[in-house]
């Protein structure tokens, strides 16, 4: 089997909704490692 890393950059979103989506993705049988989230914020 081949594996790869996946980076997803989203538009501004509600954090709770993003966390709910990550929980669903982590539960998928094809996700083999823990999901790591890195917050990108704009500095003014």
C-alpha atoms as a PDB file:
ATOM      1  CA  UNK A   1       0.000   0.000   0.000  1.00  0.00           C
ATOM      2  CA  UNK A   2       1.120   3.531  -0.689  1.00  0.00           C
ATOM      3  CA  UNK A   3       0.641   6.353   1.780  1.00  0.00           C
ATOM      4  CA  UNK A   4       0.870  10.111   1.456  1.00  0.00           C
ATOM      5  CA  UNK A   5       0.472  13.210   3.566  1.00  0.00           C
ATOM      6  CA  UNK A   6      -2.411  15.532   2.808  1.00  0.00           C
ATOM      7  CA  UNK A   7      -2.485  19.260   3.551  1.00  0.00           C
ATOM      8  CA  UNK A   8      -5.841  21.056   3.483  1.00  0.00           C
ATOM      9  CA  UNK A   9      -6.027  24.855   3.611  1.00  0.00           C
ATOM     10  CA  UNK A  10      -9.541  26.190   4.156  1.00  0.00           C
ATOM     11  CA  UNK A  11     -11.181  29.568   3.998  1.00  0.00           C
ATOM     12  CA  UNK A  12     -12.203  31.248   7.263  1.00  0.00           C
ATOM     13  CA  UNK A  13     -14.516  28.901   9.122  1.00  0.00           C
ATOM     14  CA  UNK A  14     -16.140  28.288  12.485  1.00  0.00           C
ATOM     15  CA  UNK A  15     -13.669  26.323  14.617  1.00  0.00           C
ATOM     16  CA  UNK A  16     -16.314  23.959  15.996  1.00  0.00           C
ATOM     17  CA  UNK A  17     -17.373  22.943  12.513  1.00  0.00           C
ATOM     18  CA  UNK A  18     -13.784  22.337  11.505  1.00  0.00           C
ATOM     19  CA  UNK A  19     -13.193  20.200  14.583  1.00  0.00           C
ATOM     20  CA  UNK A  20     -16.345  18.179  13.834  1.00  0.00           C
ATOM     21  CA  UNK A  21     -15.107  17.567  10.290  1.00  0.00           C
ATOM     22  CA  UNK A  22     -11.699  16.475  11.588  1.00  0.00           C
ATOM     23  CA  UNK A  23     -13.335  13.986  13.964  1.00  0.00           C
ATOM     24  CA  UNK A  24     -15.256  12.503  11.046  1.00  0.00           C
ATOM     25  CA  UNK A  25     -12.144  12.330   8.876  1.00  0.00           C
ATOM     26  CA  UNK A  26     -10.101  10.724  11.663  1.00  0.00           C
ATOM     27  CA  UNK A  27     -12.742   7.986  11.974  1.00  0.00           C
ATOM     28  CA  UNK A  28     -12.301   6.942   8.331  1.00  0.00           C
ATOM     29  CA  UNK A  29     -10.605   3.558   7.959  1.00  0.00           C
ATOM     30  CA  UNK A  30      -8.210   4.961   5.358  1.00  0.00           C
ATOM     31  CA  UNK A  31      -6.791   7.588   7.754  1.00  0.00           C
ATOM     32  CA  UNK A  32      -3.837   5.739   9.266  1.00  0.00           C
ATOM     33  CA  UNK A  33      -2.223   8.381  11.472  1.00  0.00           C
ATOM     34  CA  UNK A  34      -3.491  11.030  13.876  1.00  0.00           C
ATOM     35  CA  UNK A  35      -4.602  14.252  12.196  1.00  0.00           C
ATOM     36  CA  UNK A  36      -2.452  17.262  13.051  1.00  0.00           C
ATOM     37  CA  UNK A  37      -4.035  20.696  12.885  1.00  0.00           C
ATOM     38  CA  UNK A  38      -1.979  23.857  12.430  1.00  0.00           C
ATOM     39  CA  UNK A  39      -3.823  27.152  12.706  1.00  0.00           C
ATOM     40  CA  UNK A  40      -2.861  29.847  10.212  1.00  0.00           C
ATOM     41  CA  UNK A  41      -3.817  33.332  11.309  1.00  0.00           C
ATOM     42  CA  UNK A  42      -3.299  36.645   9.613  1.00  0.00           C
ATOM     43  CA  UNK A  43      -1.382  39.249  11.569  1.00  0.00           C
ATOM     44  CA  UNK A  44      -2.353  42.877  11.116  1.00  0.00           C
END
